[in-house]
C-alpha atoms as a PDB file:
ATOM      1  CA  MET A   1      84.348  95.041  29.920  1.00  0.00           C
ATOM      2  CA  THR A   2      84.640  98.611  31.122  1.00  0.00           C
ATOM      3  CA  ILE A   3      88.224  99.563  31.888  1.00  0.00           C
ATOM      4  CA  PRO A   4      88.558 100.503  35.591  1.00  0.00           C
ATOM      5  CA  ARG A   5      89.315 104.173  36.264  1.00  0.00           C
ATOM      6  CA  ILE A   6      91.504 104.765  39.315  1.00  0.00           C
ATOM      7  CA  TYR A   7      92.399 107.957  41.159  1.00  0.00           C
ATOM      8  CA  SER A   8      96.090 108.611  41.762  1.00  0.00           C
ATOM      9  CA  THR A   9      97.272 110.702  44.689  1.00  0.00           C
ATOM     10  CA  GLU A  10     100.400 111.433  42.656  1.00  0.00           C
ATOM     11  CA  ILE A  11     100.362 114.208  40.049  1.00  0.00           C
ATOM     12  CA  LEU A  12     100.721 112.329  36.767  1.00  0.00           C
ATOM     13  CA  GLU A  13     102.166 115.002  34.529  1.00  0.00           C
ATOM     14  CA  SER A  14     105.686 114.015  33.341  1.00  0.00           C
ATOM     15  CA  LYS A  15     105.466 110.607  35.083  1.00  0.00           C
ATOM     16  CA  LYS A  16     106.192 107.287  33.340  1.00  0.00           C
ATOM     17  CA  SER A  17     105.260 104.980  36.198  1.00  0.00           C
ATOM     18  CA  ILE A  18     103.538 105.319  39.570  1.00  0.00           C
ATOM     19  CA  GLN A  19     102.564 103.353  42.654  1.00  0.00           C
ATOM     20  CA  LEU A  20      98.838 103.302  43.401  1.00  0.00           C
ATOM     21  CA  PRO A  21      97.852 103.077  47.103  1.00  0.00           C
ATOM     22  CA  GLU A  22      97.088  99.669  48.602  1.00  0.00           C
ATOM     23  CA  ASP A  23      93.430 100.563  49.141  1.00  0.00           C
ATOM     24  CA  ASN A  24      92.911  99.792  45.425  1.00  0.00           C
ATOM     25  CA  LEU A  25      94.135  96.203  45.768  1.00  0.00           C
ATOM     26  CA  LYS A  26      90.805  94.612  46.696  1.00  0.00           C
ATOM     27  CA  TYR A  27      88.902  96.429  43.957  1.00  0.00           C
ATOM     28  CA  LEU A  28      91.351  95.624  41.166  1.00  0.00           C
ATOM     29  CA  LYS A  29      92.226  92.045  42.217  1.00  0.00           C
ATOM     30  CA  ALA A  30      89.069  90.658  43.832  1.00  0.00           C
ATOM     31  CA  VAL A  31      86.324  92.704  42.173  1.00  0.00           C
ATOM     32  CA  MET A  32      87.746  93.374  38.702  1.00  0.00           C
ATOM     33  CA  ARG A  33      89.936  90.219  38.753  1.00  0.00           C
ATOM     34  CA  LEU A  34      92.835  91.952  37.063  1.00  0.00           C
ATOM     35  CA  LYS A  35      96.364  90.581  36.898  1.00  0.00           C
ATOM     36  CA  PRO A  36      99.729  92.093  35.930  1.00  0.00           C
ATOM     37  CA  GLY A  37      99.357  93.224  32.338  1.00  0.00           C
ATOM     38  CA  GLY A  38      95.772  94.309  32.925  1.00  0.00           C
ATOM     39  CA  LYS A  39      94.620  97.646  31.513  1.00  0.00           C
ATOM     40  CA  ILE A  40      93.339 100.496  33.646  1.00  0.00           C
ATOM     41  CA  ILE A  41      92.879 104.268  33.360  1.00  0.00           C
ATOM     42  CA  VAL A  42      94.548 106.518  35.929  1.00  0.00           C
ATOM     43  CA  PHE A  43      93.653 110.156  36.680  1.00  0.00           C
ATOM     44  CA  ASP A  44      94.971 112.628  39.237  1.00  0.00           C
ATOM     45  CA  GLY A  45      92.097 115.070  39.689  1.00  0.00           C
ATOM     46  CA  TYR A  46      94.072 117.925  38.148  1.00  0.00           C
ATOM     47  CA  GLY A  47      93.135 117.167  34.552  1.00  0.00           C
ATOM     48  CA  SER A  48      95.801 114.562  33.721  1.00  0.00           C
ATOM     49  CA  GLU A  49      94.535 111.120  32.695  1.00  0.00           C
ATOM     50  CA  PHE A  50      96.418 108.170  31.186  1.00  0.00           C
ATOM     51  CA  GLU A  51      95.886 104.718  29.805  1.00  0.00           C
ATOM     52  CA  ALA A  52      97.977 102.397  31.971  1.00  0.00           C
ATOM     53  CA  ILE A  53      99.168  98.824  32.502  1.00  0.00           C
ATOM     54  CA  ILE A  54      99.416  97.053  35.855  1.00  0.00           C
ATOM     55  CA  GLU A  55     103.021  95.893  36.359  1.00  0.00           C
ATOM     56  CA  ASP A  56     102.748  94.205  39.762  1.00  0.00           C
ATOM     57  CA  PHE A  57     100.745  93.861  42.969  1.00  0.00           C
ATOM     58  CA  SER A  58     102.373  94.093  46.397  1.00  0.00           C
ATOM     59  CA  VAL A  59     101.359  94.681  50.010  1.00  0.00           C
ATOM     60  CA  ASN A  60     102.354  98.316  49.540  1.00  0.00           C
ATOM     61  CA  GLY A  61     100.191  98.947  46.487  1.00  0.00           C
ATOM     62  CA  ILE A  62     100.066  98.509  42.734  1.00  0.00           C
ATOM     63  CA  GLY A  63     102.913  99.263  40.354  1.00  0.00           C
ATOM     64  CA  VAL A  64     101.570 100.920  37.205  1.00  0.00           C
ATOM     65  CA  LYS A  65     103.204 101.905  33.913  1.00  0.00           C
ATOM     66  CA  LEU A  66     101.638 104.929  32.249  1.00  0.00           C
ATOM     67  CA  GLY A  67     100.876 104.846  28.545  1.00  0.00           C
ATOM     68  CA  LYS A  68      99.032 107.166  26.209  1.00  0.00           C
ATOM     69  CA  GLN A  69      97.703 110.390  27.724  1.00  0.00           C
ATOM     70  CA  ILE A  70      93.979 110.952  27.328  1.00  0.00           C
ATOM     71  CA  PRO A  71      93.199 114.486  26.050  1.00  0.00           C
ATOM     72  CA  ARG A  72      92.101 116.900  28.774  1.00  0.00           C
ATOM     73  CA  GLU A  73      88.437 117.772  28.872  1.00  0.00           C
ATOM     74  CA  ASN A  74      87.582 121.291  27.793  1.00  0.00           C
ATOM     75  CA  LYS A  75      84.997 122.463  30.314  1.00  0.00           C
ATOM     76  CA  LYS A  76      82.673 125.134  28.955  1.00  0.00           C
ATOM     77  CA  ILE A  77      81.775 126.572  32.343  1.00  0.00           C
ATOM     78  CA  LYS A  78      82.748 126.395  36.007  1.00  0.00           C
ATOM     79  CA  ILE A  79      80.065 125.923  38.659  1.00  0.00           C
ATOM     80  CA  SER A  80      80.503 126.525  42.377  1.00  0.00           C
ATOM     81  CA  LEU A  81      77.798 125.464  44.838  1.00  0.00           C
ATOM     82  CA  ALA A  82      77.296 126.963  48.288  1.00  0.00           C
ATOM     83  CA  GLN A  83      74.912 124.559  50.011  1.00  0.00           C
ATOM     84  CA  ALA A  84      73.212 125.177  53.362  1.00  0.00           C
ATOM     85  CA  LEU A  85      73.556 122.185  55.666  1.00  0.00           C
ATOM     86  CA  PRO A  86      70.480 119.925  55.490  1.00  0.00           C
ATOM     87  CA  LYS A  87      69.237 117.385  58.008  1.00  0.00           C
ATOM     88  CA  ALA A  88      70.818 113.984  58.657  1.00  0.00           C
ATOM     89  CA  THR A  89      72.800 112.456  55.767  1.00  0.00           C
ATOM     90  CA  LYS A  90      71.173 114.432  52.954  1.00  0.00           C
ATOM     91  CA  MET A  91      74.432 116.301  52.326  1.00  0.00           C
ATOM     92  CA  ASP A  92      76.012 113.017  51.227  1.00  0.00           C
ATOM     93  CA  LEU A  93      73.541 112.756  48.346  1.00  0.00           C
ATOM     94  CA  ILE A  94      73.913 116.447  47.459  1.00  0.00           C
ATOM     95  CA  VAL A  95      77.721 116.125  47.252  1.00  0.00           C
ATOM     96  CA  LYS A  96      77.475 112.925  45.220  1.00  0.00           C
ATOM     97  CA  SER A  97      75.015 114.370  42.699  1.00  0.00           C
ATOM     98  CA  ALA A  98      76.869 117.677  42.359  1.00  0.00           C
ATOM     99  CA  ALA A  99      80.208 115.932  41.831  1.00  0.00           C
ATOM    100  CA  GLU A 100      78.718 113.567  39.235  1.00  0.00           C
ATOM    101  CA  LEU A 101      77.414 116.619  37.387  1.00  0.00           C
ATOM    102  CA  GLY A 102      80.861 118.183  37.356  1.00  0.00           C
ATOM    103  CA  VAL A 103      80.589 120.957  39.947  1.00  0.00           C
ATOM    104  CA  ASP A 104      84.055 122.360  40.656  1.00  0.00           C
ATOM    105  CA  LEU A 105      83.603 123.559  44.237  1.00  0.00           C
ATOM    106  CA  ILE A 106      81.158 122.843  47.066  1.00  0.00           C
ATOM    107  CA  ILE A 107      80.990 125.115  50.122  1.00  0.00           C
ATOM    108  CA  PRO A 108      78.814 123.733  52.939  1.00  0.00           C
ATOM    109  CA  PHE A 109      77.489 126.498  55.189  1.00  0.00           C
ATOM    110  CA  THR A 110      75.233 126.976  58.178  1.00  0.00           C
ATOM    111  CA  ALA A 111      72.142 129.072  57.419  1.00  0.00           C
ATOM    112  CA  ALA A 112      69.830 130.720  59.946  1.00  0.00           C
ATOM    113  CA  ARG A 113      67.239 127.966  59.433  1.00  0.00           C
ATOM    114  CA  SER A 114      69.646 125.036  59.143  1.00  0.00           C
ATOM    115  CA  VAL A 115      68.416 122.253  61.413  1.00  0.00           C
ATOM    116  CA  SER A 116      71.798 120.511  61.269  1.00  0.00           C
ATOM    117  CA  ARG A 117      74.538 122.039  63.429  1.00  0.00           C
ATOM    118  CA  ILE A 118      77.943 120.392  63.265  1.00  0.00           C
ATOM    119  CA  ASP A 119      80.418 121.018  66.081  1.00  0.00           C
ATOM    120  CA  THR A 120      84.085 121.674  65.423  1.00  0.00           C
ATOM    121  CA  ASP A 121      85.206 118.147  66.361  1.00  0.00           C
ATOM    122  CA  ARG A 122      82.820 116.498  63.902  1.00  0.00           C
ATOM    123  CA  ALA A 123      83.267 119.049  61.116  1.00  0.00           C
ATOM    124  CA  ALA A 124      86.666 117.729  59.999  1.00  0.00           C
ATOM    125  CA  GLN A 125      85.290 114.184  59.823  1.00  0.00           C
ATOM    126  CA  LYS A 126      82.304 115.361  57.775  1.00  0.00           C
ATOM    127  CA  ILE A 127      84.495 117.240  55.297  1.00  0.00           C
ATOM    128  CA  LYS A 128      86.749 114.208  54.921  1.00  0.00           C
ATOM    129  CA  ARG A 129      83.697 112.016  54.246  1.00  0.00           C
ATOM    130  CA  TRP A 130      82.208 114.446  51.718  1.00  0.00           C
ATOM    131  CA  GLN A 131      85.548 114.793  49.915  1.00  0.00           C
ATOM    132  CA  LYS A 132      85.773 111.001  49.635  1.00  0.00           C
ATOM    133  CA  ILE A 133      82.216 110.893  48.222  1.00  0.00           C
ATOM    134  CA  ALA A 134      83.149 113.630  45.734  1.00  0.00           C
ATOM    135  CA  MET A 135      86.275 111.751  44.673  1.00  0.00           C
ATOM    136  CA  GLU A 136      84.364 108.526  44.048  1.00  0.00           C
ATOM    137  CA  ALA A 137      81.617 110.372  42.158  1.00  0.00           C
ATOM    138  CA  SER A 138      84.198 112.134  39.977  1.00  0.00           C
ATOM    139  CA  ARG A 139      85.870 108.788  39.258  1.00  0.00           C
ATOM    140  CA  ALA A 140      82.618 107.066  38.346  1.00  0.00           C
ATOM    141  CA  SER A 141      81.420 109.926  36.128  1.00  0.00           C
ATOM    142  CA  ARG A 142      84.770 110.078  34.285  1.00  0.00           C
ATOM    143  CA  SER A 143      85.421 113.656  35.270  1.00  0.00           C
ATOM    144  CA  GLY A 144      89.044 114.704  34.876  1.00  0.00           C
ATOM    145  CA  LYS A 145      88.864 116.978  37.913  1.00  0.00           C
ATOM    146  CA  ILE A 146      87.775 116.063  41.418  1.00  0.00           C
ATOM    147  CA  THR A 147      85.161 118.308  42.996  1.00  0.00           C
ATOM    148  CA  GLU A 148      86.683 120.181  45.934  1.00  0.00           C
ATOM    149  CA  VAL A 149      84.745 120.377  49.209  1.00  0.00           C
ATOM    150  CA  GLU A 150      85.565 123.397  51.375  1.00  0.00           C
ATOM    151  CA  ASN A 151      85.338 123.639  55.169  1.00  0.00           C
ATOM    152  CA  ILE A 152      81.949 124.431  56.699  1.00  0.00           C
ATOM    153  CA  ALA A 153      81.398 128.182  56.646  1.00  0.00           C
ATOM    154  CA  SER A 154      78.819 130.818  57.494  1.00  0.00           C
ATOM    155  CA  LEU A 155      76.706 132.283  54.686  1.00  0.00           C
ATOM    156  CA  GLU A 156      78.674 135.526  54.979  1.00  0.00           C
ATOM    157  CA  SER A 157      81.948 133.631  54.482  1.00  0.00           C
ATOM    158  CA  ALA A 158      80.565 131.415  51.684  1.00  0.00           C
ATOM    159  CA  ILE A 159      79.482 134.482  49.702  1.00  0.00           C
ATOM    160  CA  LYS A 160      83.086 135.728  49.668  1.00  0.00           C
ATOM    161  CA  PHE A 161      84.180 132.747  47.561  1.00  0.00           C
ATOM    162  CA  ALA A 162      82.364 134.240  44.554  1.00  0.00           C
ATOM    163  CA  ASP A 163      84.503 136.534  42.420  1.00  0.00           C
ATOM    164  CA  ASP A 164      83.349 139.442  40.267  1.00  0.00           C
ATOM    165  CA  ARG A 165      83.538 137.371  37.077  1.00  0.00           C
ATOM    166  CA  SER A 166      80.877 134.944  38.278  1.00  0.00           C
ATOM    167  CA  ALA A 167      77.160 134.950  37.578  1.00  0.00           C
ATOM    168  CA  LYS A 168      75.952 134.980  41.191  1.00  0.00           C
ATOM    169  CA  MET A 169      72.535 133.525  42.045  1.00  0.00           C
ATOM    170  CA  ILE A 170      70.800 132.714  45.315  1.00  0.00           C
ATOM    171  CA  PHE A 171      67.748 130.469  44.987  1.00  0.00           C
ATOM    172  CA  TRP A 172      64.739 131.527  47.059  1.00  0.00           C
ATOM    173  CA  GLU A 173      61.289 129.961  47.110  1.00  0.00           C
ATOM    174  CA  GLU A 174      59.676 133.395  47.638  1.00  0.00           C
ATOM    175  CA  GLU A 175      61.217 134.917  44.506  1.00  0.00           C
ATOM    176  CA  GLU A 176      58.408 135.616  42.007  1.00  0.00           C
ATOM    177  CA  LYS A 177      59.956 138.078  39.556  1.00  0.00           C
ATOM    178  CA  THR A 178      63.056 136.259  38.254  1.00  0.00           C
ATOM    179  CA  ALA A 179      62.804 132.618  37.163  1.00  0.00           C
ATOM    180  CA  ILE A 180      65.916 130.561  36.492  1.00  0.00           C
ATOM    181  CA  LYS A 181      65.368 130.496  32.718  1.00  0.00           C
ATOM    182  CA  ASN A 182      65.098 134.288  32.587  1.00  0.00           C
ATOM    183  CA  ALA A 183      68.236 134.637  34.687  1.00  0.00           C
ATOM    184  CA  LEU A 184      70.252 132.259  32.509  1.00  0.00           C
ATOM    185  CA  THR A 185      69.104 133.667  29.163  1.00  0.00           C
ATOM    186  CA  ASP A 186      70.043 137.227  30.117  1.00  0.00           C
ATOM    187  CA  LYS A 187      72.259 138.518  27.286  1.00  0.00           C
ATOM    188  CA  SER A 188      74.795 139.789  29.811  1.00  0.00           C
ATOM    189  CA  LEU A 189      75.657 136.145  30.622  1.00  0.00           C
ATOM    190  CA  ASP A 190      76.307 135.018  27.041  1.00  0.00           C
ATOM    191  CA  ALA A 191      80.066 135.004  27.574  1.00  0.00           C
ATOM    192  CA  CYS A 192      80.009 134.054  31.252  1.00  0.00           C
ATOM    193  CA  LYS A 193      82.133 131.026  32.183  1.00  0.00           C
ATOM    194  CA  ASN A 194      81.684 131.018  35.971  1.00  0.00           C
ATOM    195  CA  TYR A 195      78.455 130.362  37.860  1.00  0.00           C
ATOM    196  CA  PHE A 196      78.167 130.612  41.633  1.00  0.00           C
ATOM    197  CA  ILE A 197      74.905 129.337  43.110  1.00  0.00           C
ATOM    198  CA  ILE A 198      73.598 129.343  46.675  1.00  0.00           C
ATOM    199  CA  VAL A 199      70.968 126.817  47.776  1.00  0.00           C
ATOM    200  CA  GLY A 200      69.210 127.004  51.134  1.00  0.00           C
ATOM    201  CA  PRO A 201      68.179 124.505  53.833  1.00  0.00           C
ATOM    202  CA  GLU A 202      64.815 122.780  54.315  1.00  0.00           C
ATOM    203  CA  GLY A 203      63.314 125.887  55.909  1.00  0.00           C
ATOM    204  CA  GLY A 204      64.547 128.225  53.191  1.00  0.00           C
ATOM    205  CA  PHE A 205      66.380 131.512  53.598  1.00  0.00           C
ATOM    206  CA  SER A 206      65.388 134.376  55.839  1.00  0.00           C
ATOM    207  CA  LYS A 207      64.796 137.776  54.234  1.00  0.00           C
ATOM    208  CA  ASP A 208      67.895 139.084  56.013  1.00  0.00           C
ATOM    209  CA  GLU A 209      70.015 136.409  54.316  1.00  0.00           C
ATOM    210  CA  ILE A 210      68.589 137.291  50.905  1.00  0.00           C
ATOM    211  CA  THR A 211      69.317 140.965  51.581  1.00  0.00           C
ATOM    212  CA  MET A 212      72.904 140.106  52.546  1.00  0.00           C
ATOM    213  CA  ALA A 213      73.411 138.147  49.339  1.00  0.00           C
ATOM    214  CA  LYS A 214      71.914 140.862  47.174  1.00  0.00           C
ATOM    215  CA  LYS A 215      74.252 143.438  48.699  1.00  0.00           C
ATOM    216  CA  ALA A 216      77.129 141.154  47.648  1.00  0.00           C
ATOM    217  CA  GLY A 217      75.911 141.164  44.042  1.00  0.00           C
ATOM    218  CA  PHE A 218      73.767 138.020  44.036  1.00  0.00           C
ATOM    219  CA  LYS A 219      70.531 137.858  42.064  1.00  0.00           C
ATOM    220  CA  SER A 220      67.537 136.281  43.784  1.00  0.00           C
ATOM    221  CA  VAL A 221      66.190 133.503  41.519  1.00  0.00           C
ATOM    222  CA  GLY A 222      63.137 131.240  41.752  1.00  0.00           C
ATOM    223  CA  LEU A 223      62.281 127.799  40.378  1.00  0.00           C
ATOM    224  CA  GLY A 224      58.630 128.557  39.717  1.00  0.00           C
ATOM    225  CA  ARG A 225      55.784 126.908  41.591  1.00  0.00           C
ATOM    226  CA  GLN A 226      57.546 123.567  41.868  1.00  0.00           C
ATOM    227  CA  ILE A 227      58.861 122.989  45.393  1.00  0.00           C
ATOM    228  CA  LEU A 228      61.884 120.693  45.423  1.00  0.00           C
ATOM    229  CA  LYS A 229      63.316 118.784  48.355  1.00  0.00           C
ATOM    230  CA  VAL A 230      66.655 120.108  49.563  1.00  0.00           C
ATOM    231  CA  GLU A 231      68.471 116.971  48.361  1.00  0.00           C
ATOM    232  CA  THR A 232      67.011 117.458  44.862  1.00  0.00           C
ATOM    233  CA  ALA A 233      67.253 121.217  44.406  1.00  0.00           C
ATOM    234  CA  ALA A 234      70.980 121.621  43.779  1.00  0.00           C
ATOM    235  CA  ALA A 235      71.133 118.798  41.214  1.00  0.00           C
ATOM    236  CA  ALA A 236      68.120 120.238  39.374  1.00  0.00           C
ATOM    237  CA  ILE A 237      69.605 123.744  39.300  1.00  0.00           C
ATOM    238  CA  ILE A 238      73.020 122.509  38.133  1.00  0.00           C
ATOM    239  CA  SER A 239      71.407 120.436  35.383  1.00  0.00           C
ATOM    240  CA  ILE A 240      69.332 123.398  34.183  1.00  0.00           C
ATOM    241  CA  ILE A 241      72.426 125.627  34.033  1.00  0.00           C
ATOM    242  CA  GLN A 242      74.362 122.988  32.109  1.00  0.00           C
ATOM    243  CA  TYR A 243      71.498 122.411  29.673  1.00  0.00           C
ATOM    244  CA  GLU A 244      71.064 126.120  28.991  1.00  0.00           C
ATOM    245  CA  LYS A 245      74.793 126.492  28.401  1.00  0.00           C
ATOM    246  CA  GLY A 246      75.051 123.495  26.064  1.00  0.00           C
ATOM    247  CA  ILE A 247      77.011 121.175  28.348  1.00  0.00           C
ATOM    248  CA  PHE A 248      74.895 118.161  27.409  1.00  0.00           C
ATOM    249  CA  SER A 249      75.398 118.616  23.656  1.00  0.00           C
ATOM    250  CA  HIS A 250      78.123 116.842  21.638  1.00  0.00           C
ATOM    251  CA  LYS A 251      79.376 120.100  20.194  1.00  0.00           C
ATOM    252  CA  SER A 252      82.575 121.583  21.622  1.00  0.00           C
END
């Protein structure tokens, strides 16, 4: 049986025992049918992960004794995703897929052609929901770090999250000169560890938005003739970057 992997809101470093929140009770007792003495894995989203033993269940939560520390993962690259808001609940799937693939940061933003417009009152609820989806996806995919979801921004603000060390790419369906493979195999990126990608809404980017990004140091990149749905594009791009940079190999 697969050992359950549980997120701890406490930072685990230097801890010998912790109390897991009560919202894990149903999963561990009713679904996994664990009892005191049962084995679990606990991680804190900051890179610390431990084998652990359940000591007791109570109405306030689960008492856990930490055991052997699991070695931290050595991530080859860092990926940040600025994603234009899509229609309806498509952002849920985008966040889930990106988090499962190990993206470090997601910045939702409103583009000129974004159909979805989220008012201030609903924005906080959306971010909370997306962060919960990211946390669950990170747990299920055994990532040692939880993907962080930023507040909804404008494209101008989202661009500012990219630092000068990052390979900066904005994906545009009208780009015909630079394909993603050419961009990623550029010799200047051989030692690059940070990738910042911008993906547009269903209607794509306006030329003014592409111009803005280029002025900020972003390279306009295309995916060839294949037109991907907005909920598929980010996951495809992230996977291509990871493949090109050897993330899916067994070599360290």
